[in-house]
Amino acid sequence: MLQKTALAYADWSGDVLYLKKPGGKETVIATTADIPVSFTPQGDDPEQILTSPGDFMAVALSHDGTVAFSITNVFGSAVGLVAEGQVPRILEQLEGWINELVWAPGGGLLAAEVLIPSGKSDIFIYDITTGRRLCVLSEIMPEKELSLTRGCWLGDNRYFYFLASRRNEPYNLWRLDLQAGQVQPSQI
């Protein structure tokens, strides 16, 4: 288990992903050249060729040293995982841009806040053990047309709290009960 002083980050160019351990040792754990991403171009020129998978954007470090990352280019984003000495793996390619990645405290679950093409934010929940997406919160929300943002997990990995709002309205607190698969308004 890593101590709390460990840090994962991308360099200023977005091409290199680093892990800095306690004591200051900095290790390259991935470069964009290591990422197995093949985005499918859409639109007017489907013959476009990518020479790079994109740039590292959002980065989050798990308690066990696994780094969740997003890589973004003109065609969208991908969310992936890498640990020191391992080959990066992509969980999913998405249309839109990943703004934030949030690990569950107990590990095994990851939330990704995604700016989707409609201009709203949504939150995708992943099971890291299986590599599968468990849910997209907007699809199970009782209210539609909300923008979802800024989530956090409780320590038992069962509840995920997040904010939701209609355009130009105040945000309200909501709670996902992962075991029940339900979302409901919440209070502090």
Protein backbone atom coordinates (compact mmCIF):
# COMPACT_ATOMS: atom_id res chain seq x y z
CA MET A 1 0.00 0.00 0.00
CA LEU A 2 1.31 3.46 -0.90
CA GLN A 3 1.67 6.13 1.74
CA LYS A 4 -0.44 9.26 1.38
CA THR A 5 2.53 11.27 0.14
CA ALA A 6 2.68 9.41 -3.20
CA LEU A 7 1.61 11.41 -6.24
CA ALA A 8 0.64 10.60 -9.83
CA TYR A 9 0.70 13.30 -12.51
CA ALA A 10 1.20 14.03 -16.19
CA ASP A 11 3.96 16.31 -17.42
CA TRP A 12 3.16 19.73 -18.90
CA SER A 13 3.03 18.33 -22.45
CA GLY A 14 0.55 15.59 -21.51
CA ASP A 15 2.83 12.92 -23.04
CA VAL A 16 4.31 11.31 -19.92
CA LEU A 17 2.63 9.91 -16.80
CA TYR A 18 4.71 9.89 -13.60
CA LEU A 19 4.44 8.27 -10.19
CA LYS A 20 6.33 10.06 -7.42
CA LYS A 21 6.78 7.93 -4.32
CA PRO A 22 7.53 9.00 -0.76
CA GLY A 23 11.14 10.10 -0.55
CA GLY A 24 10.98 11.84 -3.91
CA LYS A 25 11.71 8.97 -6.33
CA GLU A 26 9.97 9.78 -9.61
CA THR A 27 9.19 7.00 -12.09
CA VAL A 28 7.74 7.13 -15.61
CA ILE A 29 4.85 4.66 -15.59
CA ALA A 30 3.46 5.35 -19.07
CA THR A 31 3.84 7.53 -22.13
CA THR A 32 1.21 8.24 -24.75
CA ALA A 33 3.15 5.90 -27.07
CA ASP A 34 2.30 3.05 -24.63
CA ILE A 35 -1.45 3.58 -24.86
CA PRO A 36 -3.39 1.08 -27.01
CA VAL A 37 -6.00 3.57 -28.25
CA SER A 38 -7.38 3.63 -31.77
CA PHE A 39 -10.01 6.36 -31.97
CA THR A 40 -12.44 6.13 -34.86
CA PRO A 41 -12.67 9.43 -36.74
CA GLN A 42 -16.17 10.67 -37.50
CA GLY A 43 -17.62 13.54 -39.47
CA ASP A 44 -16.54 14.93 -42.83
CA ASP A 45 -13.20 13.11 -43.15
CA PRO A 46 -13.36 9.48 -41.96
CA GLU A 47 -9.94 8.91 -43.57
CA GLN A 48 -8.13 11.00 -40.96
CA ILE A 49 -5.13 9.31 -39.39
CA LEU A 50 -4.01 9.75 -35.78
CA THR A 51 -0.30 9.91 -35.12
CA SER A 52 -0.78 10.05 -31.35
CA PRO A 53 -3.53 8.72 -29.09
CA GLY A 54 -3.74 12.17 -27.44
CA ASP A 55 -2.70 13.76 -24.17
CA PHE A 56 -3.02 12.59 -20.58
CA MET A 57 -5.59 14.83 -18.86
CA ALA A 58 -7.22 13.59 -15.64
CA VAL A 59 -5.08 11.44 -13.32
CA ALA A 60 -6.01 9.73 -10.02
CA LEU A 61 -3.89 7.52 -7.76
CA SER A 62 -5.44 4.54 -5.95
CA HIS A 63 -4.35 3.44 -2.48
CA ASP A 64 -2.64 0.38 -4.04
CA GLY A 65 -0.57 2.39 -6.53
CA THR A 66 -2.80 1.89 -9.58
CA VAL A 67 -3.14 5.07 -11.62
CA ALA A 68 -6.39 5.86 -13.41
CA PHE A 69 -5.93 8.23 -16.33
CA SER A 70 -7.80 9.80 -19.17
CA ILE A 71 -6.28 10.43 -22.54
CA THR A 72 -7.96 12.95 -24.82
CA ASN A 73 -7.73 13.87 -28.48
CA VAL A 74 -9.99 15.51 -31.06
CA PHE A 75 -12.22 12.43 -31.28
CA GLY A 76 -12.95 12.04 -27.57
CA SER A 77 -11.43 10.45 -24.49
CA ALA A 78 -10.46 7.09 -23.12
CA VAL A 79 -10.30 6.06 -19.46
CA GLY A 80 -7.55 3.64 -18.53
CA LEU A 81 -5.43 2.12 -15.79
CA VAL A 82 -1.73 1.52 -15.28
CA ALA A 83 0.51 0.47 -12.41
CA GLU A 84 4.27 0.61 -12.18
CA GLY A 85 5.83 -2.07 -14.38
CA GLN A 86 2.55 -2.93 -16.14
CA VAL A 87 1.17 -2.26 -19.60
CA PRO A 88 -1.61 0.37 -19.61
CA ARG A 89 -5.11 -0.91 -20.33
CA ILE A 90 -8.08 1.04 -21.63
CA LEU A 91 -11.41 0.52 -19.88
CA GLU A 92 -13.51 2.45 -22.38
CA GLN A 93 -13.37 5.01 -25.16
CA LEU A 94 -15.94 7.80 -24.86
CA GLU A 95 -17.29 10.68 -26.88
CA GLY A 96 -16.59 13.80 -24.84
CA TRP A 97 -13.87 14.75 -22.38
CA ILE A 98 -13.10 13.29 -18.98
CA ASN A 99 -12.85 16.09 -16.41
CA GLU A 100 -12.22 14.14 -13.22
CA LEU A 101 -11.49 10.62 -11.97
CA VAL A 102 -12.39 9.56 -8.41
CA TRP A 103 -11.30 6.28 -6.81
CA ALA A 104 -13.49 4.62 -4.19
CA PRO A 105 -11.57 4.49 -0.86
CA GLY A 106 -11.65 0.70 -0.72
CA GLY A 107 -10.41 0.42 -4.30
CA GLY A 108 -12.08 -1.56 -7.04
CA LEU A 109 -14.43 1.23 -8.16
CA LEU A 110 -13.76 4.34 -10.21
CA ALA A 111 -16.01 7.27 -11.10
CA ALA A 112 -15.32 9.36 -14.20
CA GLU A 113 -16.93 12.76 -14.71
CA VAL A 114 -17.38 13.22 -18.46
CA LEU A 115 -18.33 16.33 -20.42
CA ILE A 116 -20.57 14.75 -23.03
CA PRO A 117 -21.18 16.19 -26.53
CA SER A 118 -24.52 17.74 -25.47
CA GLY A 119 -22.54 20.09 -23.19
CA LYS A 120 -23.70 18.47 -19.94
CA SER A 121 -21.55 16.54 -17.49
CA ASP A 122 -22.32 12.94 -16.65
CA ILE A 123 -20.73 10.39 -14.33
CA PHE A 124 -19.69 6.87 -15.36
CA ILE A 125 -18.97 4.23 -12.68
CA TYR A 126 -16.48 1.40 -13.40
CA ASP A 127 -15.73 -1.90 -11.69
CA ILE A 128 -11.94 -2.09 -11.96
CA THR A 129 -11.79 -5.81 -11.17
CA THR A 130 -13.89 -6.75 -14.21
CA GLY A 131 -13.00 -3.69 -16.30
CA ARG A 132 -16.72 -3.12 -16.96
CA ARG A 133 -18.80 0.02 -16.74
CA LEU A 134 -21.41 -0.52 -14.03
CA CYS A 135 -23.62 2.44 -14.82
CA VAL A 136 -24.03 5.91 -16.28
CA LEU A 137 -25.76 8.04 -13.63
CA SER A 138 -27.89 10.07 -16.07
CA GLU A 139 -29.47 6.81 -17.25
CA ILE A 140 -30.72 5.89 -13.76
CA MET A 141 -31.54 9.40 -12.51
CA PRO A 142 -35.26 9.89 -11.78
CA GLU A 143 -34.96 13.45 -13.16
CA LYS A 144 -33.68 13.91 -16.69
CA GLU A 145 -31.75 16.74 -18.38
CA LEU A 146 -29.48 17.35 -15.39
CA SER A 147 -25.78 18.04 -15.47
CA LEU A 148 -23.94 15.80 -12.97
CA THR A 149 -20.63 16.74 -11.37
CA ARG A 150 -18.20 16.60 -8.40
CA GLY A 151 -18.64 13.17 -6.93
CA CYS A 152 -17.15 11.48 -3.87
CA TRP A 153 -17.38 8.01 -2.35
CA LEU A 154 -18.10 7.02 1.23
CA GLY A 155 -15.60 4.66 2.85
CA ASP A 156 -17.64 1.49 2.36
CA ASN A 157 -17.80 1.90 -1.46
CA ARG A 158 -21.58 1.53 -1.37
CA TYR A 159 -22.57 5.19 -1.66
CA PHE A 160 -21.42 7.77 -4.18
CA TYR A 161 -22.50 11.38 -3.60
CA PHE A 162 -22.58 13.94 -6.40
CA LEU A 163 -24.09 17.27 -7.43
CA ALA A 164 -26.79 17.71 -10.09
CA SER A 165 -28.33 20.79 -11.64
CA ARG A 166 -30.33 22.10 -14.55
CA ARG A 167 -28.68 24.89 -16.49
CA ASN A 168 -28.50 28.17 -14.51
CA GLU A 169 -30.02 26.60 -11.39
CA PRO A 170 -28.38 25.76 -8.04
CA TYR A 171 -26.81 22.34 -7.56
CA ASN A 172 -28.50 19.73 -5.39
CA LEU A 173 -26.86 16.81 -3.59
CA TRP A 174 -27.73 13.30 -4.83
CA ARG A 175 -26.71 9.82 -3.70
CA LEU A 176 -26.12 6.64 -5.69
CA ASP A 177 -26.70 3.45 -3.69
CA LEU A 178 -24.54 1.09 -5.72
CA GLN A 179 -25.94 -2.09 -4.12
CA ALA A 180 -29.54 -1.10 -4.85
CA GLY A 181 -28.71 0.54 -8.20
CA GLN A 182 -30.78 3.58 -7.24
CA VAL A 183 -30.20 7.33 -7.24
CA GLN A 184 -32.09 9.69 -4.96
CA PRO A 185 -31.86 13.24 -3.61
CA SER A 186 -29.80 13.50 -0.46
CA GLN A 187 -29.16 15.91 2.39
CA ILE A 188 -26.13 16.73 4.48
